[in-house]
Amino acid sequence: MTAGPPDGGPEVPGPEEEPEGRLRPTSATALAVAAALGMVGGGVLRDVAVALDGTAPIVTWVQVLALVFVACFVGALAWDTRRTLHVRHERLEPHRAVNRLVLARACALVGALVAAGYAAYAVTWVGDASELAGQRVLRSAVAAAAGVAIVISSLLLERACRLPSRENGP
């Protein structure tokens, strides 16, 4: 036998309890932690790579374009999701909605990690007189901007997945 209210009715969560089935938006703290980890990784990458291999990694335009592609894809998905749910008031299949929400959260965290990592890597090359320093700074800065675009488009997708509360509407 399970514990429940004395009258046998359904349990109602107390005022301090969060109703089951509710998800909170991605927190700024989680994004900040991911960014901090990215900054540490990007800051030490050059020294570790030089110690292990003798050369620092090169940032290629293919890497940058891959990040831009992800930002565009997630942004287009956010636009389509918002249009489907909020403009046309259509329904998504539950598994598709969950897939989009999981994608949004994962991309937001990874985007913060990548953006901070590339930014920190770019900073390690500022003021360096080596031949490829300017190229690495430019490409890393553009990759960091693409990472920020991934975070923004992911947060927009996450927001598009939210439906109005049933308490406020029909």
C-alpha atoms as a PDB file:
ATOM      1  CA  MET A   1       0.000   0.000   0.000  1.00  0.00           C
ATOM      2  CA  THR A   2       1.284   3.461  -0.825  1.00  0.00           C
ATOM      3  CA  ALA A   3       1.155   6.491   1.362  1.00  0.00           C
ATOM      4  CA  GLY A   4      -1.235   9.207   0.236  1.00  0.00           C
ATOM      5  CA  PRO A   5      -3.749  11.692   1.533  1.00  0.00           C
ATOM      6  CA  PRO A   6      -6.215  10.308   4.112  1.00  0.00           C
ATOM      7  CA  ASP A   7      -9.245  10.765   1.834  1.00  0.00           C
ATOM      8  CA  GLY A   8      -7.654   8.619  -0.904  1.00  0.00           C
ATOM      9  CA  GLY A   9      -7.513  11.497  -3.418  1.00  0.00           C
ATOM     10  CA  PRO A  10      -4.509  12.308  -5.580  1.00  0.00           C
ATOM     11  CA  GLU A  11      -1.459  13.797  -3.912  1.00  0.00           C
ATOM     12  CA  VAL A  12      -1.015  17.493  -4.501  1.00  0.00           C
ATOM     13  CA  PRO A  13       2.513  18.879  -4.268  1.00  0.00           C
ATOM     14  CA  GLY A  14       3.087  21.323  -1.442  1.00  0.00           C
ATOM     15  CA  PRO A  15       3.970  24.960  -2.115  1.00  0.00           C
ATOM     16  CA  GLU A  16       7.704  24.265  -1.735  1.00  0.00           C
ATOM     17  CA  GLU A  17       7.674  21.231  -4.053  1.00  0.00           C
ATOM     18  CA  GLU A  18       8.160  21.528  -7.794  1.00  0.00           C
ATOM     19  CA  PRO A  19       5.475  19.641  -9.770  1.00  0.00           C
ATOM     20  CA  GLU A  20       6.811  16.529 -11.477  1.00  0.00           C
ATOM     21  CA  GLY A  21       7.418  16.694 -15.191  1.00  0.00           C
ATOM     22  CA  ARG A  22       8.647  20.282 -15.196  1.00  0.00           C
ATOM     23  CA  LEU A  23      12.048  21.237 -16.547  1.00  0.00           C
ATOM     24  CA  ARG A  24      13.848  24.433 -15.780  1.00  0.00           C
ATOM     25  CA  PRO A  25      15.709  26.340 -18.484  1.00  0.00           C
ATOM     26  CA  THR A  26      19.452  25.842 -18.777  1.00  0.00           C
ATOM     27  CA  SER A  27      20.963  27.801 -15.930  1.00  0.00           C
ATOM     28  CA  ALA A  28      23.501  30.558 -16.296  1.00  0.00           C
ATOM     29  CA  THR A  29      25.588  28.705 -13.727  1.00  0.00           C
ATOM     30  CA  ALA A  30      25.827  25.622 -15.946  1.00  0.00           C
ATOM     31  CA  LEU A  31      26.847  27.781 -18.903  1.00  0.00           C
ATOM     32  CA  ALA A  32      29.413  29.617 -16.769  1.00  0.00           C
ATOM     33  CA  VAL A  33      30.923  26.335 -15.548  1.00  0.00           C
ATOM     34  CA  ALA A  34      31.158  25.047 -19.126  1.00  0.00           C
ATOM     35  CA  ALA A  35      32.773  28.328 -20.200  1.00  0.00           C
ATOM     36  CA  ALA A  36      35.239  28.195 -17.297  1.00  0.00           C
ATOM     37  CA  LEU A  37      36.248  24.656 -18.245  1.00  0.00           C
ATOM     38  CA  GLY A  38      36.664  25.784 -21.851  1.00  0.00           C
ATOM     39  CA  MET A  39      38.824  28.706 -20.809  1.00  0.00           C
ATOM     40  CA  VAL A  40      41.109  26.471 -18.787  1.00  0.00           C
ATOM     41  CA  GLY A  41      41.346  23.944 -21.614  1.00  0.00           C
ATOM     42  CA  GLY A  42      41.964  26.553 -24.285  1.00  0.00           C
ATOM     43  CA  GLY A  43      44.502  28.355 -22.130  1.00  0.00           C
ATOM     44  CA  VAL A  44      46.651  25.300 -21.481  1.00  0.00           C
ATOM     45  CA  LEU A  45      46.198  23.669 -24.905  1.00  0.00           C
ATOM     46  CA  ARG A  46      49.097  25.510 -26.522  1.00  0.00           C
ATOM     47  CA  ASP A  47      51.602  24.682 -23.789  1.00  0.00           C
ATOM     48  CA  VAL A  48      50.528  21.038 -23.545  1.00  0.00           C
ATOM     49  CA  ALA A  49      50.610  20.557 -27.330  1.00  0.00           C
ATOM     50  CA  VAL A  50      54.056  22.130 -27.608  1.00  0.00           C
ATOM     51  CA  ALA A  51      55.346  19.975 -24.752  1.00  0.00           C
ATOM     52  CA  LEU A  52      53.954  16.772 -26.268  1.00  0.00           C
ATOM     53  CA  ASP A  53      54.303  17.343 -30.016  1.00  0.00           C
ATOM     54  CA  GLY A  54      56.595  20.330 -30.427  1.00  0.00           C
ATOM     55  CA  THR A  55      53.982  22.405 -32.322  1.00  0.00           C
ATOM     56  CA  ALA A  56      50.858  24.255 -31.370  1.00  0.00           C
ATOM     57  CA  PRO A  57      47.561  23.225 -32.997  1.00  0.00           C
ATOM     58  CA  ILE A  58      46.437  25.109 -36.087  1.00  0.00           C
ATOM     59  CA  VAL A  59      42.836  26.295 -36.288  1.00  0.00           C
ATOM     60  CA  THR A  60      41.495  25.615 -39.781  1.00  0.00           C
ATOM     61  CA  TRP A  61      38.588  27.235 -41.557  1.00  0.00           C
ATOM     62  CA  VAL A  62      36.908  23.822 -41.720  1.00  0.00           C
ATOM     63  CA  GLN A  63      36.642  23.819 -37.913  1.00  0.00           C
ATOM     64  CA  VAL A  64      35.196  27.318 -37.963  1.00  0.00           C
ATOM     65  CA  LEU A  65      32.711  26.491 -40.729  1.00  0.00           C
ATOM     66  CA  ALA A  66      31.587  23.373 -38.858  1.00  0.00           C
ATOM     67  CA  LEU A  67      30.711  25.546 -35.857  1.00  0.00           C
ATOM     68  CA  VAL A  68      28.910  28.052 -38.076  1.00  0.00           C
ATOM     69  CA  PHE A  69      26.950  25.182 -39.643  1.00  0.00           C
ATOM     70  CA  VAL A  70      25.876  23.904 -36.208  1.00  0.00           C
ATOM     71  CA  ALA A  71      24.798  27.414 -35.164  1.00  0.00           C
ATOM     72  CA  CYS A  72      22.763  27.811 -38.370  1.00  0.00           C
ATOM     73  CA  PHE A  73      21.202  24.366 -38.037  1.00  0.00           C
ATOM     74  CA  VAL A  74      20.160  24.884 -34.424  1.00  0.00           C
ATOM     75  CA  GLY A  75      18.929  28.391 -35.246  1.00  0.00           C
ATOM     76  CA  ALA A  76      16.798  27.105 -38.118  1.00  0.00           C
ATOM     77  CA  LEU A  77      15.421  24.375 -35.885  1.00  0.00           C
ATOM     78  CA  ALA A  78      14.570  26.984 -33.232  1.00  0.00           C
ATOM     79  CA  TRP A  79      12.769  29.111 -35.814  1.00  0.00           C
ATOM     80  CA  ASP A  80      10.832  26.108 -37.133  1.00  0.00           C
ATOM     81  CA  THR A  81       9.929  24.944 -33.620  1.00  0.00           C
ATOM     82  CA  ARG A  82       8.725  28.397 -32.598  1.00  0.00           C
ATOM     83  CA  ARG A  83       6.679  28.710 -35.764  1.00  0.00           C
ATOM     84  CA  THR A  84       5.149  25.261 -35.290  1.00  0.00           C
ATOM     85  CA  LEU A  85       4.266  25.582 -31.611  1.00  0.00           C
ATOM     86  CA  HIS A  86       3.619  29.273 -31.058  1.00  0.00           C
ATOM     87  CA  VAL A  87       2.546  30.730 -34.392  1.00  0.00           C
ATOM     88  CA  ARG A  88       0.605  27.902 -36.034  1.00  0.00           C
ATOM     89  CA  HIS A  89      -0.324  26.302 -32.662  1.00  0.00           C
ATOM     90  CA  GLU A  90       0.420  22.817 -33.954  1.00  0.00           C
ATOM     91  CA  ARG A  91       1.622  19.957 -31.797  1.00  0.00           C
ATOM     92  CA  LEU A  92       4.919  18.131 -31.951  1.00  0.00           C
ATOM     93  CA  GLU A  93       5.161  14.443 -31.282  1.00  0.00           C
ATOM     94  CA  PRO A  94       6.435  14.068 -27.703  1.00  0.00           C
ATOM     95  CA  HIS A  95       9.651  12.293 -28.684  1.00  0.00           C
ATOM     96  CA  ARG A  96      10.475  15.019 -31.196  1.00  0.00           C
ATOM     97  CA  ALA A  97       9.925  17.738 -28.605  1.00  0.00           C
ATOM     98  CA  VAL A  98      12.182  15.932 -26.130  1.00  0.00           C
ATOM     99  CA  ASN A  99      14.828  15.405 -28.822  1.00  0.00           C
ATOM    100  CA  ARG A 100      14.830  19.116 -29.611  1.00  0.00           C
ATOM    101  CA  LEU A 101      15.043  20.071 -25.965  1.00  0.00           C
ATOM    102  CA  VAL A 102      17.947  17.680 -25.347  1.00  0.00           C
ATOM    103  CA  LEU A 103      19.721  18.971 -28.455  1.00  0.00           C
ATOM    104  CA  ALA A 104      19.231  22.554 -27.283  1.00  0.00           C
ATOM    105  CA  ARG A 105      20.664  21.893 -23.831  1.00  0.00           C
ATOM    106  CA  ALA A 106      23.604  19.886 -25.108  1.00  0.00           C
ATOM    107  CA  CYS A 107      24.478  22.457 -27.762  1.00  0.00           C
ATOM    108  CA  ALA A 108      24.207  25.327 -25.283  1.00  0.00           C
ATOM    109  CA  LEU A 109      26.682  23.701 -22.914  1.00  0.00           C
ATOM    110  CA  VAL A 110      29.075  22.557 -25.633  1.00  0.00           C
ATOM    111  CA  GLY A 111      28.811  25.927 -27.379  1.00  0.00           C
ATOM    112  CA  ALA A 112      29.830  27.706 -24.167  1.00  0.00           C
ATOM    113  CA  LEU A 113      32.732  25.295 -23.704  1.00  0.00           C
ATOM    114  CA  VAL A 114      33.918  25.696 -27.305  1.00  0.00           C
ATOM    115  CA  ALA A 115      33.480  29.473 -27.405  1.00  0.00           C
ATOM    116  CA  ALA A 116      35.511  29.989 -24.247  1.00  0.00           C
ATOM    117  CA  GLY A 117      38.113  27.440 -25.336  1.00  0.00           C
ATOM    118  CA  TYR A 118      38.740  29.121 -28.683  1.00  0.00           C
ATOM    119  CA  ALA A 119      38.724  32.569 -27.067  1.00  0.00           C
ATOM    120  CA  ALA A 120      41.317  31.494 -24.499  1.00  0.00           C
ATOM    121  CA  TYR A 121      43.421  29.879 -27.236  1.00  0.00           C
ATOM    122  CA  ALA A 122      43.280  33.129 -29.226  1.00  0.00           C
ATOM    123  CA  VAL A 123      44.410  35.126 -26.187  1.00  0.00           C
ATOM    124  CA  THR A 124      47.483  32.897 -25.800  1.00  0.00           C
ATOM    125  CA  TRP A 125      48.622  34.067 -29.253  1.00  0.00           C
ATOM    126  CA  VAL A 126      48.032  37.800 -28.773  1.00  0.00           C
ATOM    127  CA  GLY A 127      51.375  39.602 -28.871  1.00  0.00           C
ATOM    128  CA  ASP A 128      53.271  36.547 -30.098  1.00  0.00           C
ATOM    129  CA  ALA A 129      55.751  37.335 -32.885  1.00  0.00           C
ATOM    130  CA  SER A 130      55.586  33.933 -34.571  1.00  0.00           C
ATOM    131  CA  GLU A 131      54.632  33.599 -38.209  1.00  0.00           C
ATOM    132  CA  LEU A 132      51.183  32.019 -37.711  1.00  0.00           C
ATOM    133  CA  ALA A 133      50.135  33.901 -34.565  1.00  0.00           C
ATOM    134  CA  GLY A 134      47.888  36.381 -36.386  1.00  0.00           C
ATOM    135  CA  GLN A 135      46.213  33.595 -38.341  1.00  0.00           C
ATOM    136  CA  ARG A 136      45.563  31.603 -35.158  1.00  0.00           C
ATOM    137  CA  VAL A 137      44.159  34.650 -33.357  1.00  0.00           C
ATOM    138  CA  LEU A 138      41.790  35.490 -36.220  1.00  0.00           C
ATOM    139  CA  ARG A 139      40.519  31.957 -36.789  1.00  0.00           C
ATOM    140  CA  SER A 140      40.167  31.272 -33.071  1.00  0.00           C
ATOM    141  CA  ALA A 141      38.259  34.516 -32.570  1.00  0.00           C
ATOM    142  CA  VAL A 142      35.861  33.674 -35.402  1.00  0.00           C
ATOM    143  CA  ALA A 143      35.428  30.158 -33.959  1.00  0.00           C
ATOM    144  CA  ALA A 144      34.698  31.676 -30.539  1.00  0.00           C
ATOM    145  CA  ALA A 145      32.057  33.918 -32.115  1.00  0.00           C
ATOM    146  CA  ALA A 146      30.533  30.862 -33.793  1.00  0.00           C
ATOM    147  CA  GLY A 147      30.469  29.145 -30.386  1.00  0.00           C
ATOM    148  CA  VAL A 148      28.581  32.106 -28.945  1.00  0.00           C
ATOM    149  CA  ALA A 149      26.141  31.852 -31.881  1.00  0.00           C
ATOM    150  CA  ILE A 150      25.617  28.181 -30.991  1.00  0.00           C
ATOM    151  CA  VAL A 151      24.806  29.127 -27.402  1.00  0.00           C
ATOM    152  CA  ILE A 152      22.346  31.821 -28.482  1.00  0.00           C
ATOM    153  CA  SER A 153      20.586  29.635 -31.055  1.00  0.00           C
ATOM    154  CA  SER A 154      20.439  26.761 -28.550  1.00  0.00           C
ATOM    155  CA  LEU A 155      18.842  28.938 -25.895  1.00  0.00           C
ATOM    156  CA  LEU A 156      16.343  30.142 -28.499  1.00  0.00           C
ATOM    157  CA  LEU A 157      15.524  26.526 -29.369  1.00  0.00           C
ATOM    158  CA  GLU A 158      15.094  25.694 -25.704  1.00  0.00           C
ATOM    159  CA  ARG A 159      12.776  28.665 -25.301  1.00  0.00           C
ATOM    160  CA  ALA A 160      10.808  27.672 -28.416  1.00  0.00           C
ATOM    161  CA  CYS A 161      10.198  24.239 -26.875  1.00  0.00           C
ATOM    162  CA  ARG A 162       8.450  25.803 -23.864  1.00  0.00           C
ATOM    163  CA  LEU A 163       4.692  25.837 -23.968  1.00  0.00           C
ATOM    164  CA  PRO A 164       2.482  28.229 -22.041  1.00  0.00           C
ATOM    165  CA  SER A 165       1.475  26.999 -18.606  1.00  0.00           C
ATOM    166  CA  ARG A 166      -1.851  25.171 -18.496  1.00  0.00           C
ATOM    167  CA  GLU A 167      -2.808  27.364 -15.545  1.00  0.00           C
ATOM    168  CA  ASN A 168      -2.650  30.495 -17.735  1.00  0.00           C
ATOM    169  CA  GLY A 169      -4.502  29.127 -20.740  1.00  0.00           C
ATOM    170  CA  PRO A 170      -7.050  26.524 -21.820  1.00  0.00           C
END
